Amino acid sequence: MSSHQASPHILTNSSSFQKATTPGLQITSDDKEANIQAKMAEHKRHKALREEATQLEAERLERERLEAEQREREQMEAEKWEQEWLEAERKEQERQGS
């Protein structure tokens, strides 16, 4: 009985590697790869455009909110001045009527 120990097989040539990387064995062709890359680039561009549109819309809404707050403050100030003027007029009429 001889005991034979198996040793690991080490490839000394690269023919197996070369076969695996030949165009016939590639999963995708260069044209398909270029098409995939173009679609990915287009997807990224559309995503960037959507993000920019979202940001612009958020900025527009913020401007509208700030403008509405400013109009409300101006309206309240105008009403305050009107009330003060009416009160002053009423007091003046009372003083003249007495």
PDB file of N, CA and C in Angstrom:
ATOM      1  N   MET A   1       0.827  -1.166   0.000  1.00  0.00           N
ATOM      2  CA  MET A   1       0.000   0.000   0.000  1.00  0.00           C
ATOM      3  C   MET A   1       0.873   1.230   0.000  1.00  0.00           C
ATOM      4  N   SER A   2       0.616   2.005  -0.973  1.00  0.00           N
ATOM      5  CA  SER A   2       1.372   3.246  -0.971  1.00  0.00           C
ATOM      6  C   SER A   2       0.423   4.377  -0.656  1.00  0.00           C
ATOM      7  N   SER A   3       0.909   5.245   0.103  1.00  0.00           N
ATOM      8  CA  SER A   3       0.070   6.403   0.402  1.00  0.00           C
ATOM      9  C   SER A   3       0.503   7.527  -0.521  1.00  0.00           C
ATOM     10  N   HIS A   4      -0.440   7.956  -1.298  1.00  0.00           N
ATOM     11  CA  HIS A   4      -0.147   9.030  -2.244  1.00  0.00           C
ATOM     12  C   HIS A   4      -0.870  10.283  -1.763  1.00  0.00           C
ATOM     13  N   GLN A   5      -0.122  11.312  -1.557  1.00  0.00           N
ATOM     14  CA  GLN A   5      -0.707  12.558  -1.073  1.00  0.00           C
ATOM     15  C   GLN A   5      -0.892  13.495  -2.263  1.00  0.00           C
ATOM     16  N   ALA A   6      -2.093  14.008  -2.379  1.00  0.00           N
ATOM     17  CA  ALA A   6      -2.376  14.916  -3.485  1.00  0.00           C
ATOM     18  C   ALA A   6      -1.784  16.281  -3.175  1.00  0.00           C
ATOM     19  N   SER A   7      -1.124  16.828  -4.141  1.00  0.00           N
ATOM     20  CA  SER A   7      -0.583  18.175  -3.949  1.00  0.00           C
ATOM     21  C   SER A   7      -1.450  19.154  -4.726  1.00  0.00           C
ATOM     22  N   PRO A   8      -1.527  20.364  -4.259  1.00  0.00           N
ATOM     23  CA  PRO A   8      -2.341  21.348  -4.982  1.00  0.00           C
ATOM     24  C   PRO A   8      -1.752  21.603  -6.363  1.00  0.00           C
ATOM     25  N   HIS A   9      -2.638  21.744  -7.326  1.00  0.00           N
ATOM     26  CA  HIS A   9      -2.209  21.962  -8.700  1.00  0.00           C
ATOM     27  C   HIS A   9      -2.035  23.461  -8.921  1.00  0.00           C
ATOM     28  N   ILE A  10      -0.869  23.868  -9.290  1.00  0.00           N
ATOM     29  CA  ILE A  10      -0.582  25.275  -9.544  1.00  0.00           C
ATOM     30  C   ILE A  10      -0.403  25.441 -11.046  1.00  0.00           C
ATOM     31  N   LEU A  11      -1.166  26.346 -11.614  1.00  0.00           N
ATOM     32  CA  LEU A  11      -1.052  26.600 -13.044  1.00  0.00           C
ATOM     33  C   LEU A  11       0.220  27.382 -13.307  1.00  0.00           C
ATOM     34  N   THR A  12       0.997  26.891 -14.210  1.00  0.00           N
ATOM     35  CA  THR A  12       2.225  27.603 -14.543  1.00  0.00           C
ATOM     36  C   THR A  12       2.066  28.424 -15.803  1.00  0.00           C
ATOM     37  N   ASN A  13       1.030  28.160 -16.562  1.00  0.00           N
ATOM     38  CA  ASN A  13       0.797  28.993 -17.736  1.00  0.00           C
ATOM     39  C   ASN A  13      -0.529  29.722 -17.566  1.00  0.00           C
ATOM     40  N   SER A  14      -0.702  30.731 -18.356  1.00  0.00           N
ATOM     41  CA  SER A  14      -1.903  31.547 -18.205  1.00  0.00           C
ATOM     42  C   SER A  14      -2.940  31.238 -19.266  1.00  0.00           C
ATOM     43  N   SER A  15      -2.869  30.072 -19.879  1.00  0.00           N
ATOM     44  CA  SER A  15      -3.813  29.758 -20.955  1.00  0.00           C
ATOM     45  C   SER A  15      -5.246  29.703 -20.444  1.00  0.00           C
ATOM     46  N   SER A  16      -5.464  29.181 -19.231  1.00  0.00           N
ATOM     47  CA  SER A  16      -6.817  29.139 -18.680  1.00  0.00           C
ATOM     48  C   SER A  16      -7.348  30.547 -18.460  1.00  0.00           C
ATOM     49  N   PHE A  17      -6.483  31.409 -17.970  1.00  0.00           N
ATOM     50  CA  PHE A  17      -6.888  32.801 -17.740  1.00  0.00           C
ATOM     51  C   PHE A  17      -7.190  33.485 -19.065  1.00  0.00           C
ATOM     52  N   GLN A  18      -6.357  33.244 -20.051  1.00  0.00           N
ATOM     53  CA  GLN A  18      -6.567  33.865 -21.352  1.00  0.00           C
ATOM     54  C   GLN A  18      -7.881  33.412 -21.966  1.00  0.00           C
ATOM     55  N   LYS A  19      -8.205  32.153 -21.805  1.00  0.00           N
ATOM     56  CA  LYS A  19      -9.464  31.656 -22.352  1.00  0.00           C
ATOM     57  C   LYS A  19     -10.659  32.318 -21.672  1.00  0.00           C
ATOM     58  N   ALA A  20     -10.551  32.552 -20.383  1.00  0.00           N
ATOM     59  CA  ALA A  20     -11.664  33.148 -19.646  1.00  0.00           C
ATOM     60  C   ALA A  20     -11.870  34.602 -20.009  1.00  0.00           C
ATOM     61  N   THR A  21     -10.836  35.240 -20.498  1.00  0.00           N
ATOM     62  CA  THR A  21     -10.978  36.662 -20.808  1.00  0.00           C
ATOM     63  C   THR A  21     -11.113  36.940 -22.292  1.00  0.00           C
ATOM     64  N   THR A  22     -11.247  35.932 -23.094  1.00  0.00           N
ATOM     65  CA  THR A  22     -11.429  36.169 -24.524  1.00  0.00           C
ATOM     66  C   THR A  22     -12.825  36.724 -24.768  1.00  0.00           C
ATOM     67  N   PRO A  23     -12.983  37.537 -25.813  1.00  0.00           N
ATOM     68  CA  PRO A  23     -14.287  38.164 -26.078  1.00  0.00           C
ATOM     69  C   PRO A  23     -15.435  37.187 -26.164  1.00  0.00           C
ATOM     70  N   GLY A  24     -15.209  35.994 -26.656  1.00  0.00           N
ATOM     71  CA  GLY A  24     -16.281  35.017 -26.774  1.00  0.00           C
ATOM     72  C   GLY A  24     -16.835  34.577 -25.435  1.00  0.00           C
ATOM     73  N   LEU A  25     -16.042  34.660 -24.402  1.00  0.00           N
ATOM     74  CA  LEU A  25     -16.483  34.218 -23.080  1.00  0.00           C
ATOM     75  C   LEU A  25     -16.943  35.366 -22.186  1.00  0.00           C
ATOM     76  N   GLN A  26     -16.835  36.576 -22.665  1.00  0.00           N
ATOM     77  CA  GLN A  26     -17.275  37.712 -21.854  1.00  0.00           C
ATOM     78  C   GLN A  26     -18.784  37.681 -21.698  1.00  0.00           C
ATOM     79  N   ILE A  27     -19.255  38.148 -20.554  1.00  0.00           N
ATOM     80  CA  ILE A  27     -20.690  38.161 -20.285  1.00  0.00           C
ATOM     81  C   ILE A  27     -21.382  39.196 -21.162  1.00  0.00           C
ATOM     82  N   THR A  28     -20.767  40.353 -21.306  1.00  0.00           N
ATOM     83  CA  THR A  28     -21.350  41.395 -22.152  1.00  0.00           C
ATOM     84  C   THR A  28     -20.339  41.797 -23.213  1.00  0.00           C
ATOM     85  N   SER A  29     -20.845  42.192 -24.354  1.00  0.00           N
ATOM     86  CA  SER A  29     -19.970  42.661 -25.421  1.00  0.00           C
ATOM     87  C   SER A  29     -19.593  44.105 -25.137  1.00  0.00           C
ATOM     88  N   ASP A  30     -18.609  44.583 -25.867  1.00  0.00           N
ATOM     89  CA  ASP A  30     -18.194  45.973 -25.688  1.00  0.00           C
ATOM     90  C   ASP A  30     -19.341  46.925 -26.005  1.00  0.00           C
ATOM     91  N   ASP A  31     -20.136  46.602 -27.040  1.00  0.00           N
ATOM     92  CA  ASP A  31     -21.280  47.448 -27.392  1.00  0.00           C
ATOM     93  C   ASP A  31     -22.306  47.470 -26.267  1.00  0.00           C
ATOM     94  N   LYS A  32     -22.577  46.289 -25.708  1.00  0.00           N
ATOM     95  CA  LYS A  32     -23.538  46.234 -24.604  1.00  0.00           C
ATOM     96  C   LYS A  32     -23.005  46.996 -23.399  1.00  0.00           C
ATOM     97  N   GLU A  33     -21.717  46.841 -23.134  1.00  0.00           N
ATOM     98  CA  GLU A  33     -21.105  47.547 -22.005  1.00  0.00           C
ATOM     99  C   GLU A  33     -21.195  49.057 -22.215  1.00  0.00           C
ATOM    100  N   ALA A  34     -20.914  49.508 -23.433  1.00  0.00           N
ATOM    101  CA  ALA A  34     -21.017  50.935 -23.741  1.00  0.00           C
ATOM    102  C   ALA A  34     -22.456  51.407 -23.580  1.00  0.00           C
ATOM    103  N   ASN A  35     -23.406  50.581 -24.004  1.00  0.00           N
ATOM    104  CA  ASN A  35     -24.824  50.916 -23.867  1.00  0.00           C
ATOM    105  C   ASN A  35     -25.208  51.023 -22.393  1.00  0.00           C
ATOM    106  N   ILE A  36     -24.732  50.074 -21.600  1.00  0.00           N
ATOM    107  CA  ILE A  36     -25.010  50.103 -20.157  1.00  0.00           C
ATOM    108  C   ILE A  36     -24.421  51.363 -19.538  1.00  0.00           C
ATOM    109  N   GLN A  37     -23.177  51.681 -19.899  1.00  0.00           N
ATOM    110  CA  GLN A  37     -22.526  52.876 -19.357  1.00  0.00           C
ATOM    111  C   GLN A  37     -23.284  54.141 -19.769  1.00  0.00           C
ATOM    112  N   ALA A  38     -23.749  54.185 -21.022  1.00  0.00           N
ATOM    113  CA  ALA A  38     -24.504  55.350 -21.493  1.00  0.00           C
ATOM    114  C   ALA A  38     -25.815  55.488 -20.725  1.00  0.00           C
ATOM    115  N   LYS A  39     -26.487  54.354 -20.501  1.00  0.00           N
ATOM    116  CA  LYS A  39     -27.746  54.396 -19.748  1.00  0.00           C
ATOM    117  C   LYS A  39     -27.503  54.833 -18.305  1.00  0.00           C
ATOM    118  N   MET A  40     -26.423  54.349 -17.717  1.00  0.00           N
ATOM    119  CA  MET A  40     -26.104  54.754 -16.345  1.00  0.00           C
ATOM    120  C   MET A  40     -25.798  56.248 -16.282  1.00  0.00           C
ATOM    121  N   ALA A  41     -25.052  56.749 -17.265  1.00  0.00           N
ATOM    122  CA  ALA A  41     -24.737  58.176 -17.309  1.00  0.00           C
ATOM    123  C   ALA A  41     -26.010  58.997 -17.480  1.00  0.00           C
ATOM    124  N   GLU A  42     -26.907  58.528 -18.345  1.00  0.00           N
ATOM    125  CA  GLU A  42     -28.177  59.231 -18.545  1.00  0.00           C
ATOM    126  C   GLU A  42     -29.009  59.206 -17.267  1.00  0.00           C
ATOM    127  N   HIS A  43     -29.020  58.068 -16.592  1.00  0.00           N
ATOM    128  CA  HIS A  43     -29.749  57.952 -15.325  1.00  0.00           C
ATOM    129  C   HIS A  43     -29.191  58.938 -14.294  1.00  0.00           C
ATOM    130  N   LYS A  44     -27.866  59.022 -14.207  1.00  0.00           N
ATOM    131  CA  LYS A  44     -27.243  59.960 -13.262  1.00  0.00           C
ATOM    132  C   LYS A  44     -27.605  61.400 -13.615  1.00  0.00           C
ATOM    133  N   ARG A  45     -27.605  61.707 -14.924  1.00  0.00           N
ATOM    134  CA  ARG A  45     -27.939  63.067 -15.360  1.00  0.00           C
ATOM    135  C   ARG A  45     -29.385  63.402 -15.002  1.00  0.00           C
ATOM    136  N   HIS A  46     -30.296  62.467 -15.251  1.00  0.00           N
ATOM    137  CA  HIS A  46     -31.704  62.690 -14.909  1.00  0.00           C
ATOM    138  C   HIS A  46     -31.878  62.835 -13.396  1.00  0.00           C
ATOM    139  N   LYS A  47     -31.159  62.026 -12.647  1.00  0.00           N
ATOM    140  CA  LYS A  47     -31.229  62.115 -11.188  1.00  0.00           C
ATOM    141  C   LYS A  47     -30.745  63.484 -10.728  1.00  0.00           C
ATOM    142  N   ALA A  48     -29.647  63.961 -11.301  1.00  0.00           N
ATOM    143  CA  ALA A  48     -29.124  65.283 -10.940  1.00  0.00           C
ATOM    144  C   ALA A  48     -30.132  66.372 -11.300  1.00  0.00           C
ATOM    145  N   LEU A  49     -30.783  66.237 -12.452  1.00  0.00           N
ATOM    146  CA  LEU A  49     -31.795  67.220 -12.855  1.00  0.00           C
ATOM    147  C   LEU A  49     -32.987  67.203 -11.899  1.00  0.00           C
ATOM    148  N   ARG A  50     -33.420  65.998 -11.492  1.00  0.00           N
ATOM    149  CA  ARG A  50     -34.531  65.906 -10.535  1.00  0.00           C
ATOM    150  C   ARG A  50     -34.143  66.530  -9.199  1.00  0.00           C
ATOM    151  N   GLU A  51     -32.920  66.259  -8.750  1.00  0.00           N
ATOM    152  CA  GLU A  51     -32.471  66.829  -7.481  1.00  0.00           C
ATOM    153  C   GLU A  51     -32.395  68.351  -7.568  1.00  0.00           C
ATOM    154  N   GLU A  52     -31.912  68.861  -8.709  1.00  0.00           N
ATOM    155  CA  GLU A  52     -31.839  70.309  -8.893  1.00  0.00           C
ATOM    156  C   GLU A  52     -33.244  70.914  -8.914  1.00  0.00           C
ATOM    157  N   ALA A  53     -34.169  70.272  -9.611  1.00  0.00           N
ATOM    158  CA  ALA A  53     -35.547  70.764  -9.666  1.00  0.00           C
ATOM    159  C   ALA A  53     -36.175  70.754  -8.276  1.00  0.00           C
ATOM    160  N   THR A  54     -35.905  69.714  -7.508  1.00  0.00           N
ATOM    161  CA  THR A  54     -36.423  69.632  -6.141  1.00  0.00           C
ATOM    162  C   THR A  54     -35.861  70.759  -5.292  1.00  0.00           C
ATOM    163  N   GLN A  55     -34.560  71.017  -5.427  1.00  0.00           N
ATOM    164  CA  GLN A  55     -33.917  72.093  -4.662  1.00  0.00           C
ATOM    165  C   GLN A  55     -34.488  73.451  -5.061  1.00  0.00           C
ATOM    166  N   LEU A  56     -34.651  73.676  -6.360  1.00  0.00           N
ATOM    167  CA  LEU A  56     -35.207  74.951  -6.825  1.00  0.00           C
ATOM    168  C   LEU A  56     -36.633  75.143  -6.321  1.00  0.00           C
ATOM    169  N   GLU A  57     -37.417  74.076  -6.330  1.00  0.00           N
ATOM    170  CA  GLU A  57     -38.794  74.158  -5.830  1.00  0.00           C
ATOM    171  C   GLU A  57     -38.803  74.467  -4.337  1.00  0.00           C
ATOM    172  N   ALA A  58     -37.909  73.849  -3.584  1.00  0.00           N
ATOM    173  CA  ALA A  58     -37.825  74.113  -2.142  1.00  0.00           C
ATOM    174  C   ALA A  58     -37.441  75.572  -1.897  1.00  0.00           C
ATOM    175  N   GLU A  59     -36.507  76.080  -2.684  1.00  0.00           N
ATOM    176  CA  GLU A  59     -36.112  77.486  -2.550  1.00  0.00           C
ATOM    177  C   GLU A  59     -37.270  78.416  -2.904  1.00  0.00           C
ATOM    178  N   ARG A  60     -38.012  78.080  -3.966  1.00  0.00           N
ATOM    179  CA  ARG A  60     -39.162  78.907  -4.363  1.00  0.00           C
ATOM    180  C   ARG A  60     -40.215  78.928  -3.261  1.00  0.00           C
ATOM    181  N   LEU A  61     -40.504  77.764  -2.690  1.00  0.00           N
ATOM    182  CA  LEU A  61     -41.489  77.692  -1.612  1.00  0.00           C
ATOM    183  C   LEU A  61     -41.031  78.478  -0.388  1.00  0.00           C
ATOM    184  N   GLU A  62     -39.743  78.420  -0.085  1.00  0.00           N
ATOM    185  CA  GLU A  62     -39.210  79.182   1.054  1.00  0.00           C
ATOM    186  C   GLU A  62     -39.346  80.684   0.800  1.00  0.00           C
ATOM    187  N   ARG A  63     -39.043  81.129  -0.435  1.00  0.00           N
ATOM    188  CA  ARG A  63     -39.214  82.552  -0.771  1.00  0.00           C
ATOM    189  C   ARG A  63     -40.670  82.968  -0.625  1.00  0.00           C
ATOM    190  N   GLU A  64     -41.584  82.134  -1.123  1.00  0.00           N
ATOM    191  CA  GLU A  64     -43.013  82.443  -1.002  1.00  0.00           C
ATOM    192  C   GLU A  64     -43.427  82.545   0.458  1.00  0.00           C
ATOM    193  N   ARG A  65     -42.925  81.635   1.284  1.00  0.00           N
ATOM    194  CA  ARG A  65     -43.262  81.654   2.711  1.00  0.00           C
ATOM    195  C   ARG A  65     -42.749  82.936   3.362  1.00  0.00           C
ATOM    196  N   LEU A  66     -41.509  83.306   3.064  1.00  0.00           N
ATOM    197  CA  LEU A  66     -40.937  84.522   3.641  1.00  0.00           C
ATOM    198  C   LEU A  66     -41.675  85.772   3.152  1.00  0.00           C
ATOM    199  N   GLU A  67     -42.035  85.791   1.870  1.00  0.00           N
ATOM    200  CA  GLU A  67     -42.783  86.928   1.330  1.00  0.00           C
ATOM    201  C   GLU A  67     -44.160  87.029   1.983  1.00  0.00           C
ATOM    202  N   ALA A  68     -44.816  85.899   2.200  1.00  0.00           N
ATOM    203  CA  ALA A  68     -46.128  85.899   2.852  1.00  0.00           C
ATOM    204  C   ALA A  68     -46.006  86.402   4.287  1.00  0.00           C
ATOM    205  N   GLU A  69     -44.957  85.982   4.990  1.00  0.00           N
ATOM    206  CA  GLU A  69     -44.738  86.479   6.354  1.00  0.00           C
ATOM    207  C   GLU A  69     -44.510  87.982   6.350  1.00  0.00           C
ATOM    208  N   GLN A  70     -43.732  88.477   5.375  1.00  0.00           N
ATOM    209  CA  GLN A  70     -43.464  89.915   5.277  1.00  0.00           C
ATOM    210  C   GLN A  70     -44.761  90.678   4.997  1.00  0.00           C
ATOM    211  N   ARG A  71     -45.588  90.173   4.072  1.00  0.00           N
ATOM    212  CA  ARG A  71     -46.866  90.844   3.784  1.00  0.00           C
ATOM    213  C   ARG A  71     -47.750  90.866   5.025  1.00  0.00           C
ATOM    214  N   GLU A  72     -47.761  89.764   5.777  1.00  0.00           N
ATOM    215  CA  GLU A  72     -48.573  89.696   6.993  1.00  0.00           C
ATOM    216  C   GLU A  72     -48.087  90.716   8.021  1.00  0.00           C
ATOM    217  N   ARG A  73     -46.757  90.825   8.182  1.00  0.00           N
ATOM    218  CA  ARG A  73     -46.222  91.829   9.122  1.00  0.00           C
ATOM    219  C   ARG A  73     -46.593  93.240   8.673  1.00  0.00           C
ATOM    220  N   GLU A  74     -46.470  93.500   7.373  1.00  0.00           N
ATOM    221  CA  GLU A  74     -46.809  94.824   6.848  1.00  0.00           C
ATOM    222  C   GLU A  74     -48.293  95.122   7.044  1.00  0.00           C
ATOM    223  N   GLN A  75     -49.145  94.118   6.820  1.00  0.00           N
ATOM    224  CA  GLN A  75     -50.585  94.294   7.016  1.00  0.00           C
ATOM    225  C   GLN A  75     -50.896  94.594   8.476  1.00  0.00           C
ATOM    226  N   MET A  76     -50.267  93.843   9.377  1.00  0.00           N
ATOM    227  CA  MET A  76     -50.502  94.069  10.806  1.00  0.00           C
ATOM    228  C   MET A  76     -50.022  95.458  11.222  1.00  0.00           C
ATOM    229  N   GLU A  77     -48.892  95.885  10.682  1.00  0.00           N
ATOM    230  CA  GLU A  77     -48.363  97.217  10.984  1.00  0.00           C
ATOM    231  C   GLU A  77     -49.318  98.294  10.457  1.00  0.00           C
ATOM    232  N   ALA A  78     -49.844  98.101   9.249  1.00  0.00           N
ATOM    233  CA  ALA A  78     -50.779  99.072   8.676  1.00  0.00           C
ATOM    234  C   ALA A  78     -52.053  99.144   9.514  1.00  0.00           C
ATOM    235  N   GLU A  79     -52.555  97.984   9.954  1.00  0.00           N
ATOM    236  CA  GLU A  79     -53.754  97.976  10.794  1.00  0.00           C
ATOM    237  C   GLU A  79     -53.489  98.652  12.131  1.00  0.00           C
ATOM    238  N   LYS A  80     -52.308  98.431  12.686  1.00  0.00           N
ATOM    239  CA  LYS A  80     -51.940  99.076  13.950  1.00  0.00           C
ATOM    240  C   LYS A  80     -51.925 100.594  13.785  1.00  0.00           C
ATOM    241  N   TRP A  81     -51.286 101.074  12.697  1.00  0.00           N
ATOM    242  CA  TRP A  81     -51.239 102.515  12.461  1.00  0.00           C
ATOM    243  C   TRP A  81     -52.648 103.077  12.234  1.00  0.00           C
ATOM    244  N   GLU A  82     -53.478 102.336  11.517  1.00  0.00           N
ATOM    245  CA  GLU A  82     -54.848 102.790  11.277  1.00  0.00           C
ATOM    246  C   GLU A  82     -55.614 102.898  12.592  1.00  0.00           C
ATOM    247  N   GLN A  83     -55.481 101.895  13.460  1.00  0.00           N
ATOM    248  CA  GLN A  83     -56.153 101.936  14.766  1.00  0.00           C
ATOM    249  C   GLN A  83     -55.658 103.115  15.596  1.00  0.00           C
ATOM    250  N   GLU A  84     -54.349 103.345  15.588  1.00  0.00           N
ATOM    251  CA  GLU A  84     -53.798 104.477  16.338  1.00  0.00           C
ATOM    252  C   GLU A  84     -54.314 105.796  15.773  1.00  0.00           C
ATOM    253  N   TRP A  85     -54.396 105.894  14.444  1.00  0.00           N
ATOM    254  CA  TRP A  85     -54.886 107.120  13.832  1.00  0.00           C
ATOM    255  C   TRP A  85     -56.364 107.335  14.178  1.00  0.00           C
ATOM    256  N   LEU A  86     -57.174 106.247  14.093  1.00  0.00           N
ATOM    257  CA  LEU A  86     -58.592 106.363  14.436  1.00  0.00           C
ATOM    258  C   LEU A  86     -58.769 106.755  15.901  1.00  0.00           C
ATOM    259  N   GLU A  87     -57.960 106.187  16.782  1.00  0.00           N
ATOM    260  CA  GLU A  87     -58.029 106.528  18.207  1.00  0.00           C
ATOM    261  C   GLU A  87     -57.654 107.994  18.423  1.00  0.00           C
ATOM    262  N   ALA A  88     -56.630 108.456  17.722  1.00  0.00           N
ATOM    263  CA  ALA A  88     -56.222 109.860  17.843  1.00  0.00           C
ATOM    264  C   ALA A  88     -57.327 110.776  17.315  1.00  0.00           C
ATOM    265  N   GLU A  89     -57.965 110.404  16.225  1.00  0.00           N
ATOM    266  CA  GLU A  89     -59.073 111.193  15.669  1.00  0.00           C
ATOM    267  C   GLU A  89     -60.239 111.248  16.650  1.00  0.00           C
ATOM    268  N   ARG A  90     -60.559 110.097  17.244  1.00  0.00           N
ATOM    269  CA  ARG A  90     -61.660 110.047  18.208  1.00  0.00           C
ATOM    270  C   ARG A  90     -61.363 110.951  19.401  1.00  0.00           C
ATOM    271  N   LYS A  91     -60.147 110.902  19.910  1.00  0.00           N
ATOM    272  CA  LYS A  91     -59.766 111.746  21.053  1.00  0.00           C
ATOM    273  C   LYS A  91     -59.814 113.219  20.675  1.00  0.00           C
ATOM    274  N   GLU A  92     -59.388 113.521  19.458  1.00  0.00           N
ATOM    275  CA  GLU A  92     -59.416 114.916  19.000  1.00  0.00           C
ATOM    276  C   GLU A  92     -60.853 115.416  18.901  1.00  0.00           C
ATOM    277  N   GLN A  93     -61.763 114.575  18.411  1.00  0.00           N
ATOM    278  CA  GLN A  93     -63.165 114.977  18.313  1.00  0.00           C
ATOM    279  C   GLN A  93     -63.776 115.150  19.697  1.00  0.00           C
ATOM    280  N   GLU A  94     -63.407 114.273  20.629  1.00  0.00           N
ATOM    281  CA  GLU A  94     -63.909 114.404  21.998  1.00  0.00           C
ATOM    282  C   GLU A  94     -63.404 115.697  22.621  1.00  0.00           C
ATOM    283  N   ARG A  95     -62.146 116.019  22.394  1.00  0.00           N
ATOM    284  CA  ARG A  95     -61.562 117.228  22.971  1.00  0.00           C
ATOM    285  C   ARG A  95     -62.236 118.470  22.378  1.00  0.00           C
ATOM    286  N   GLN A  96     -62.520 118.432  21.091  1.00  0.00           N
ATOM    287  CA  GLN A  96     -63.162 119.576  20.460  1.00  0.00           C
ATOM    288  C   GLN A  96     -64.633 119.672  20.849  1.00  0.00           C
ATOM    289  N   GLY A  97     -65.244 118.542  21.133  1.00  0.00           N
ATOM    290  CA  GLY A  97     -66.657 118.516  21.499  1.00  0.00           C
ATOM    291  C   GLY A  97     -66.881 118.945  22.940  1.00  0.00           C
ATOM    292  N   SER A  98     -65.879 118.926  23.752  1.00  0.00           N
ATOM    293  CA  SER A  98     -66.055 119.263  25.162  1.00  0.00           C
ATOM    294  C   SER A  98     -66.004 120.716  25.417  1.00  0.00           C
TER     295      SER A  98
END
